[in-house]
Every structure is written in C-alpha cells, then in structure tokens.
Amino acid sequence: MVGSSGCPQWGTASTCQAAPPNASPVCTSGTCDFACNTNYMRCRDATCGLASRDFNSTVEGFAVSSSSTSFVTDFRQETFSSRTVMTLKATLGSANQAAIVVAPICSQGGSVANKTITADVYLEGDALGADTVTLGVGLLRNGVAEDVSGIPPCATFLGPAGGKAFCSTKQNVIQGAWTTITGTLPDTTQTDAVTAVEFFMYFDGNGPWHGIVHVDNIKIM
C-alpha cells in the first residue's frame, strides 16, 4: 500500500521499517526515512539522541565526571528561581580544578556541523575579586576525556586523548543573574562523531572557592 507521499505506508509494508523511538517517518524522493523529533539529534546508528535538556523532572542523563568527584559537593535537579534546573555545587582550588558533568548523546556519534549550543546559567558563590569563573558546554567524541580548554565563543580544542571536541564558553560570568552562553559549531568533518555533552564550571584563581551554578535549557540546535 502506498501513501500520498509516494512511500509505502509505515507499519504496513515490509519494505519499510518503523521509525525509531523519538522519531517520525518521512518520505524523501520515494525512499522511506525518519526525522528525529524536536529536541533530538540523528545518530550514526539510525537512532535519535537527546540533544536538548530542560531538566523538568531529572538531570536527564548527566552524571559527575570521575575527574570531578572530589570537587563536587552537591549535584541535583531542583526548582530554582521559578525554573526546574540542574544544580552543580563545588569547592574548587587553584590546580586546574573544574566541576564537570557529562551526559551521552549518540553511542556511535552524530553530526553537529553548523549547529548552535546554548545554555542558561545562574552563578552564585564566594566573592571573586580579580578571579574569574568560566562556565561552558562541551561536545565530546569517543575517546576524548572531559576538558575545559578552548577559547570563547566556540573553539576547537584537543582533549587529553588527542581527539577533537568543541566548546561554547562564557568567561567572567556575572554572579546573581541569568546569563545565556552560546556558540555556533563549525562545518568540518570533525563535527560528525559527537557522542556526549559536558557542562563545566572552572575557577581560575587561588582557592578554595565555593560556587554553585544552576543550569537550564542546554540545547544543541
């Protein structure tokens, strides 16, 4: 049976497979295909990975990186400033310490070429003086460990394993106000195998510095 789009109707013809979870069937030039739903990104293994997170019920797959467990003192989903947010609390020193949380996107990689990363952040903490705090969103490939390197607004950087990653950062974030950090990803082959997203809080001064960041609406669009 053929639908009006020229493709066999989904679910009734053996020539077409059902769309994967979080996707809808589409027909492109007479060929059955699927399109990932809003907030999801197409992955290499014909699945759809969660690309936008609003933290309305949970931390949505984020977990504290093993490199940060000794710095992070609290990590949770909660209500803050009339929003449901992901909250990361840490005590950071001066030895390149960063509080990092990571969540999976695509097990076999997905393309983020020309996409934009955004996140809403609200920073609280000890007085900074001449020091600064960098908040950022990073996208990682398999084999690339979490990192906080990179130059705003969105730079390519080398992870410890030598693989490429991409980050969007905002330095000198003002405490006590919502700020949107954003960056546009380049159009290169290196953007074609992203498997995870990280969020980090980095303090560049002499600690200990006690800080809290509330995060909402991490989006890769």
C-alpha atoms as a PDB file:
ATOM      1  CA  MET A   1       0.000   0.000   0.000  1.00  0.00           C
ATOM      2  CA  VAL A   2       1.381   3.388  -0.993  1.00  0.00           C
ATOM      3  CA  GLY A   3       0.795   6.612   0.875  1.00  0.00           C
ATOM      4  CA  SER A   4       0.258  10.021  -0.658  1.00  0.00           C
ATOM      5  CA  SER A   5       3.948  10.819  -0.235  1.00  0.00           C
ATOM      6  CA  GLY A   6       4.971   8.025  -2.590  1.00  0.00           C
ATOM      7  CA  CYS A   7       6.407   5.748   0.115  1.00  0.00           C
ATOM      8  CA  PRO A   8       4.858   2.514   1.383  1.00  0.00           C
ATOM      9  CA  GLN A   9       2.812   3.289   4.453  1.00  0.00           C
ATOM     10  CA  TRP A  10       4.755   2.840   7.661  1.00  0.00           C
ATOM     11  CA  GLY A  11       3.898  -0.238   9.665  1.00  0.00           C
ATOM     12  CA  THR A  12       2.005  -1.977   6.834  1.00  0.00           C
ATOM     13  CA  ALA A  13       4.642  -2.619   4.187  1.00  0.00           C
ATOM     14  CA  SER A  14       7.577  -4.959   4.783  1.00  0.00           C
ATOM     15  CA  THR A  15       9.801  -2.712   2.660  1.00  0.00           C
ATOM     16  CA  CYS A  16       9.723  -0.004   5.317  1.00  0.00           C
ATOM     17  CA  GLN A  17      10.893  -0.335   8.879  1.00  0.00           C
ATOM     18  CA  ALA A  18       9.192   1.550  11.671  1.00  0.00           C
ATOM     19  CA  ALA A  19      10.713   4.834  12.722  1.00  0.00           C
ATOM     20  CA  PRO A  20      12.986   4.510  15.795  1.00  0.00           C
ATOM     21  CA  PRO A  21      11.932   5.928  19.182  1.00  0.00           C
ATOM     22  CA  ASN A  22      11.723   9.726  19.345  1.00  0.00           C
ATOM     23  CA  ALA A  23      11.335   9.977  15.557  1.00  0.00           C
ATOM     24  CA  SER A  24       8.645  10.280  12.907  1.00  0.00           C
ATOM     25  CA  PRO A  25       8.506   8.574   9.492  1.00  0.00           C
ATOM     26  CA  VAL A  26       9.174  10.695   6.418  1.00  0.00           C
ATOM     27  CA  CYS A  27       9.422  10.043   2.707  1.00  0.00           C
ATOM     28  CA  THR A  28      12.310  11.559   0.760  1.00  0.00           C
ATOM     29  CA  SER A  29      12.290  11.167  -3.037  1.00  0.00           C
ATOM     30  CA  GLY A  30      10.267   7.986  -2.763  1.00  0.00           C
ATOM     31  CA  THR A  31      12.530   6.497  -0.078  1.00  0.00           C
ATOM     32  CA  CYS A  32      11.407   5.661   3.435  1.00  0.00           C
ATOM     33  CA  ASP A  33      13.296   7.531   6.096  1.00  0.00           C
ATOM     34  CA  PHE A  34      12.763   9.128   9.510  1.00  0.00           C
ATOM     35  CA  ALA A  35      13.239  12.518  11.110  1.00  0.00           C
ATOM     36  CA  CYS A  36      14.171  12.914  14.755  1.00  0.00           C
ATOM     37  CA  ASN A  37      11.615  14.710  16.897  1.00  0.00           C
ATOM     38  CA  THR A  38      12.165  18.152  18.377  1.00  0.00           C
ATOM     39  CA  ASN A  39      14.980  18.137  20.977  1.00  0.00           C
ATOM     40  CA  TYR A  40      16.585  15.019  19.459  1.00  0.00           C
ATOM     41  CA  MET A  41      19.549  14.613  17.102  1.00  0.00           C
ATOM     42  CA  ARG A  42      20.122  11.980  14.440  1.00  0.00           C
ATOM     43  CA  CYS A  43      22.852   9.456  15.273  1.00  0.00           C
ATOM     44  CA  ARG A  44      25.016   7.290  13.020  1.00  0.00           C
ATOM     45  CA  ASP A  45      23.334   4.069  14.156  1.00  0.00           C
ATOM     46  CA  ALA A  46      19.897   5.237  12.912  1.00  0.00           C
ATOM     47  CA  THR A  47      18.706   6.303  16.344  1.00  0.00           C
ATOM     48  CA  CYS A  48      17.856   9.691  17.832  1.00  0.00           C
ATOM     49  CA  GLY A  49      19.878  11.067  20.757  1.00  0.00           C
ATOM     50  CA  LEU A  50      18.616  13.642  23.229  1.00  0.00           C
ATOM     51  CA  ALA A  51      20.126  16.982  22.171  1.00  0.00           C
ATOM     52  CA  SER A  52      18.137  19.414  24.330  1.00  0.00           C
ATOM     53  CA  ARG A  53      17.588  19.187  28.049  1.00  0.00           C
ATOM     54  CA  ASP A  54      15.249  21.309  30.182  1.00  0.00           C
ATOM     55  CA  PHE A  55      15.636  19.326  33.454  1.00  0.00           C
ATOM     56  CA  ASN A  56      11.903  19.377  34.121  1.00  0.00           C
ATOM     57  CA  SER A  57      11.960  16.099  36.030  1.00  0.00           C
ATOM     58  CA  THR A  58      15.543  14.776  36.311  1.00  0.00           C
ATOM     59  CA  VAL A  59      19.144  15.662  35.441  1.00  0.00           C
ATOM     60  CA  GLU A  60      18.392  13.866  32.145  1.00  0.00           C
ATOM     61  CA  GLY A  61      21.379  11.572  31.889  1.00  0.00           C
ATOM     62  CA  PHE A  62      24.049  13.847  33.363  1.00  0.00           C
ATOM     63  CA  ALA A  63      26.477  12.414  35.901  1.00  0.00           C
ATOM     64  CA  VAL A  64      29.526  13.828  37.660  1.00  0.00           C
ATOM     65  CA  SER A  65      32.761  13.132  35.800  1.00  0.00           C
ATOM     66  CA  SER A  66      35.249  10.905  37.601  1.00  0.00           C
ATOM     67  CA  SER A  67      37.731  13.788  37.368  1.00  0.00           C
ATOM     68  CA  SER A  68      35.447  15.972  39.500  1.00  0.00           C
ATOM     69  CA  THR A  69      34.067  13.735  42.210  1.00  0.00           C
ATOM     70  CA  SER A  70      36.379  15.178  44.873  1.00  0.00           C
ATOM     71  CA  PHE A  71      35.383  18.772  43.989  1.00  0.00           C
ATOM     72  CA  VAL A  72      31.611  18.425  43.583  1.00  0.00           C
ATOM     73  CA  THR A  73      29.754  18.678  46.876  1.00  0.00           C
ATOM     74  CA  ASP A  74      26.179  18.548  45.509  1.00  0.00           C
ATOM     75  CA  PHE A  75      24.569  17.677  42.183  1.00  0.00           C
ATOM     76  CA  ARG A  76      20.823  17.508  41.637  1.00  0.00           C
ATOM     77  CA  GLN A  77      17.688  18.532  39.777  1.00  0.00           C
ATOM     78  CA  GLU A  78      15.682  21.127  41.682  1.00  0.00           C
ATOM     79  CA  THR A  79      13.451  24.193  41.462  1.00  0.00           C
ATOM     80  CA  PHE A  80      15.335  27.493  41.471  1.00  0.00           C
ATOM     81  CA  SER A  81      14.151  30.991  40.557  1.00  0.00           C
ATOM     82  CA  SER A  82      10.825  29.580  39.327  1.00  0.00           C
ATOM     83  CA  ARG A  83      12.662  27.181  36.991  1.00  0.00           C
ATOM     84  CA  THR A  84      13.439  23.489  37.109  1.00  0.00           C
ATOM     85  CA  VAL A  85      17.200  23.317  36.779  1.00  0.00           C
ATOM     86  CA  MET A  86      20.321  21.187  37.082  1.00  0.00           C
ATOM     87  CA  THR A  87      22.369  22.443  40.028  1.00  0.00           C
ATOM     88  CA  LEU A  88      26.096  21.837  40.399  1.00  0.00           C
ATOM     89  CA  LYS A  89      27.841  22.846  43.635  1.00  0.00           C
ATOM     90  CA  ALA A  90      31.606  22.587  44.064  1.00  0.00           C
ATOM     91  CA  THR A  91      34.637  23.681  46.047  1.00  0.00           C
ATOM     92  CA  LEU A  92      37.431  24.497  43.606  1.00  0.00           C
ATOM     93  CA  GLY A  93      41.105  25.263  44.194  1.00  0.00           C
ATOM     94  CA  SER A  94      43.920  26.529  42.020  1.00  0.00           C
ATOM     95  CA  ALA A  95      45.241  23.313  40.462  1.00  0.00           C
ATOM     96  CA  ASN A  96      43.198  23.477  37.249  1.00  0.00           C
ATOM     97  CA  GLN A  97      40.202  22.105  39.024  1.00  0.00           C
ATOM     98  CA  ALA A  98      36.836  22.045  37.275  1.00  0.00           C
ATOM     99  CA  ALA A  99      33.426  20.703  38.230  1.00  0.00           C
ATOM    100  CA  ILE A 100      32.284  18.670  35.222  1.00  0.00           C
ATOM    101  CA  VAL A 101      29.110  16.711  34.498  1.00  0.00           C
ATOM    102  CA  VAL A 102      28.645  14.602  31.356  1.00  0.00           C
ATOM    103  CA  ALA A 103      25.669  13.065  29.522  1.00  0.00           C
ATOM    104  CA  PRO A 104      25.518  10.729  26.493  1.00  0.00           C
ATOM    105  CA  ILE A 105      24.059  11.808  23.145  1.00  0.00           C
ATOM    106  CA  CYS A 106      24.818   9.201  20.455  1.00  0.00           C
ATOM    107  CA  SER A 107      26.557   5.897  21.104  1.00  0.00           C
ATOM    108  CA  GLN A 108      28.081   5.866  17.601  1.00  0.00           C
ATOM    109  CA  GLY A 109      28.305   9.587  17.031  1.00  0.00           C
ATOM    110  CA  GLY A 110      26.147  12.266  15.450  1.00  0.00           C
ATOM    111  CA  SER A 111      26.794  15.335  13.339  1.00  0.00           C
ATOM    112  CA  VAL A 112      26.646  18.772  14.929  1.00  0.00           C
ATOM    113  CA  ALA A 113      28.067  20.722  11.975  1.00  0.00           C
ATOM    114  CA  ASN A 114      26.701  24.274  11.873  1.00  0.00           C
ATOM    115  CA  LYS A 115      24.560  23.692  14.937  1.00  0.00           C
ATOM    116  CA  THR A 116      24.351  26.143  17.826  1.00  0.00           C
ATOM    117  CA  ILE A 117      24.938  25.327  21.513  1.00  0.00           C
ATOM    118  CA  THR A 118      23.133  27.364  24.155  1.00  0.00           C
ATOM    119  CA  ALA A 119      22.605  27.104  27.902  1.00  0.00           C
ATOM    120  CA  ASP A 120      21.050  29.367  30.528  1.00  0.00           C
ATOM    121  CA  VAL A 121      23.219  29.673  33.640  1.00  0.00           C
ATOM    122  CA  TYR A 122      22.955  31.379  37.026  1.00  0.00           C
ATOM    123  CA  LEU A 123      26.137  31.597  39.103  1.00  0.00           C
ATOM    124  CA  GLU A 124      26.378  32.001  42.869  1.00  0.00           C
ATOM    125  CA  GLY A 125      29.424  31.805  45.103  1.00  0.00           C
ATOM    126  CA  ASP A 126      32.173  33.465  47.111  1.00  0.00           C
ATOM    127  CA  ALA A 127      33.303  36.935  46.073  1.00  0.00           C
ATOM    128  CA  LEU A 128      35.571  36.638  43.038  1.00  0.00           C
ATOM    129  CA  GLY A 129      37.740  39.743  43.305  1.00  0.00           C
ATOM    130  CA  ALA A 130      40.153  39.666  40.369  1.00  0.00           C
ATOM    131  CA  ASP A 131      39.481  35.981  39.680  1.00  0.00           C
ATOM    132  CA  THR A 132      37.076  34.640  37.069  1.00  0.00           C
ATOM    133  CA  VAL A 133      34.767  31.697  36.599  1.00  0.00           C
ATOM    134  CA  THR A 134      34.292  30.068  33.201  1.00  0.00           C
ATOM    135  CA  LEU A 135      31.067  28.209  32.517  1.00  0.00           C
ATOM    136  CA  GLY A 136      30.875  26.119  29.379  1.00  0.00           C
ATOM    137  CA  VAL A 137      29.191  23.434  27.330  1.00  0.00           C
ATOM    138  CA  GLY A 138      31.420  20.955  25.511  1.00  0.00           C
ATOM    139  CA  LEU A 139      30.731  18.244  22.947  1.00  0.00           C
ATOM    140  CA  LEU A 140      32.906  15.136  23.054  1.00  0.00           C
ATOM    141  CA  ARG A 141      33.837  12.284  20.743  1.00  0.00           C
ATOM    142  CA  ASN A 142      34.613   8.712  21.780  1.00  0.00           C
ATOM    143  CA  GLY A 143      37.998   8.517  23.459  1.00  0.00           C
ATOM    144  CA  VAL A 144      38.120  12.212  24.348  1.00  0.00           C
ATOM    145  CA  ALA A 145      38.254  12.850  28.076  1.00  0.00           C
ATOM    146  CA  GLU A 146      36.429  15.779  29.606  1.00  0.00           C
ATOM    147  CA  ASP A 147      38.276  19.085  29.352  1.00  0.00           C
ATOM    148  CA  VAL A 148      37.718  22.808  29.909  1.00  0.00           C
ATOM    149  CA  SER A 149      40.174  24.152  27.333  1.00  0.00           C
ATOM    150  CA  GLY A 150      39.080  26.357  24.474  1.00  0.00           C
ATOM    151  CA  ILE A 151      38.547  29.981  23.573  1.00  0.00           C
ATOM    152  CA  PRO A 152      35.077  31.583  23.502  1.00  0.00           C
ATOM    153  CA  PRO A 153      32.683  31.728  21.851  1.00  0.00           C
ATOM    154  CA  CYS A 154      33.179  28.274  20.364  1.00  0.00           C
ATOM    155  CA  ALA A 155      36.610  26.831  19.668  1.00  0.00           C
ATOM    156  CA  THR A 156      38.100  23.543  18.573  1.00  0.00           C
ATOM    157  CA  PHE A 157      40.390  22.086  21.216  1.00  0.00           C
ATOM    158  CA  LEU A 158      42.413  18.953  21.789  1.00  0.00           C
ATOM    159  CA  GLY A 159      41.371  16.653  24.578  1.00  0.00           C
ATOM    160  CA  PRO A 160      43.944  14.647  26.555  1.00  0.00           C
ATOM    161  CA  ALA A 161      43.475  11.718  24.160  1.00  0.00           C
ATOM    162  CA  GLY A 162      44.264  13.914  21.172  1.00  0.00           C
ATOM    163  CA  GLY A 163      40.728  13.831  19.747  1.00  0.00           C
ATOM    164  CA  LYS A 164      38.787  16.903  18.758  1.00  0.00           C
ATOM    165  CA  ALA A 165      35.994  18.425  20.777  1.00  0.00           C
ATOM    166  CA  PHE A 166      34.083  21.670  20.572  1.00  0.00           C
ATOM    167  CA  CYS A 167      33.006  24.026  23.305  1.00  0.00           C
ATOM    168  CA  SER A 168      30.931  27.101  23.904  1.00  0.00           C
ATOM    169  CA  THR A 169      32.048  29.169  26.884  1.00  0.00           C
ATOM    170  CA  LYS A 170      31.302  32.452  28.592  1.00  0.00           C
ATOM    171  CA  GLN A 171      34.019  33.920  30.787  1.00  0.00           C
ATOM    172  CA  ASN A 172      33.587  36.400  33.630  1.00  0.00           C
ATOM    173  CA  VAL A 173      30.005  35.354  34.194  1.00  0.00           C
ATOM    174  CA  ILE A 174      28.220  37.827  36.470  1.00  0.00           C
ATOM    175  CA  GLN A 175      27.032  36.312  39.710  1.00  0.00           C
ATOM    176  CA  GLY A 176      23.389  36.625  40.653  1.00  0.00           C
ATOM    177  CA  ALA A 177      21.837  36.901  37.182  1.00  0.00           C
ATOM    178  CA  TRP A 178      20.701  34.555  34.443  1.00  0.00           C
ATOM    179  CA  THR A 179      23.119  34.533  31.517  1.00  0.00           C
ATOM    180  CA  THR A 180      22.876  32.667  28.201  1.00  0.00           C
ATOM    181  CA  ILE A 181      26.115  31.145  26.927  1.00  0.00           C
ATOM    182  CA  THR A 182      26.143  30.347  23.228  1.00  0.00           C
ATOM    183  CA  GLY A 183      28.335  29.360  20.305  1.00  0.00           C
ATOM    184  CA  THR A 184      27.972  28.141  16.713  1.00  0.00           C
ATOM    185  CA  LEU A 185      29.789  24.976  15.707  1.00  0.00           C
ATOM    186  CA  PRO A 186      31.951  24.890  12.564  1.00  0.00           C
ATOM    187  CA  ASP A 187      31.238  22.991   9.364  1.00  0.00           C
ATOM    188  CA  THR A 188      34.042  20.428   9.418  1.00  0.00           C
ATOM    189  CA  THR A 189      34.308  16.645   9.329  1.00  0.00           C
ATOM    190  CA  GLN A 190      35.400  16.769  12.972  1.00  0.00           C
ATOM    191  CA  THR A 191      31.850  17.652  13.993  1.00  0.00           C
ATOM    192  CA  ASP A 192      30.494  14.352  12.691  1.00  0.00           C
ATOM    193  CA  ALA A 193      31.089  11.966  15.575  1.00  0.00           C
ATOM    194  CA  VAL A 194      29.866  13.592  18.787  1.00  0.00           C
ATOM    195  CA  THR A 195      28.839  11.084  21.453  1.00  0.00           C
ATOM    196  CA  ALA A 196      28.494  13.146  24.647  1.00  0.00           C
ATOM    197  CA  VAL A 197      27.831  16.600  26.043  1.00  0.00           C
ATOM    198  CA  GLU A 198      29.538  18.084  29.091  1.00  0.00           C
ATOM    199  CA  PHE A 199      28.893  21.103  31.265  1.00  0.00           C
ATOM    200  CA  PHE A 200      31.717  22.591  33.319  1.00  0.00           C
ATOM    201  CA  MET A 201      32.429  25.255  35.942  1.00  0.00           C
ATOM    202  CA  TYR A 202      36.081  26.343  36.113  1.00  0.00           C
ATOM    203  CA  PHE A 203      37.673  28.722  38.654  1.00  0.00           C
ATOM    204  CA  ASP A 204      40.986  30.323  37.652  1.00  0.00           C
ATOM    205  CA  GLY A 205      42.084  31.761  40.993  1.00  0.00           C
ATOM    206  CA  ASN A 206      43.620  30.558  44.235  1.00  0.00           C
ATOM    207  CA  GLY A 207      41.021  28.565  46.126  1.00  0.00           C
ATOM    208  CA  PRO A 208      39.251  27.264  47.836  1.00  0.00           C
ATOM    209  CA  TRP A 209      36.322  28.938  46.084  1.00  0.00           C
ATOM    210  CA  HIS A 210      32.798  27.752  46.855  1.00  0.00           C
ATOM    211  CA  GLY A 211      30.411  28.095  43.951  1.00  0.00           C
ATOM    212  CA  ILE A 212      27.036  26.981  42.678  1.00  0.00           C
ATOM    213  CA  VAL A 213      25.776  27.075  39.108  1.00  0.00           C
ATOM    214  CA  HIS A 214      22.159  26.488  38.139  1.00  0.00           C
ATOM    215  CA  VAL A 215      21.713  25.327  34.542  1.00  0.00           C
ATOM    216  CA  ASP A 216      18.608  25.322  32.356  1.00  0.00           C
ATOM    217  CA  ASN A 217      17.846  24.636  28.701  1.00  0.00           C
ATOM    218  CA  ILE A 218      21.033  23.092  27.341  1.00  0.00           C
ATOM    219  CA  LYS A 219      20.297  22.930  23.616  1.00  0.00           C
ATOM    220  CA  ILE A 220      22.123  21.747  20.502  1.00  0.00           C
ATOM    221  CA  MET A 221      20.070  23.039  17.591  1.00  0.00           C
END
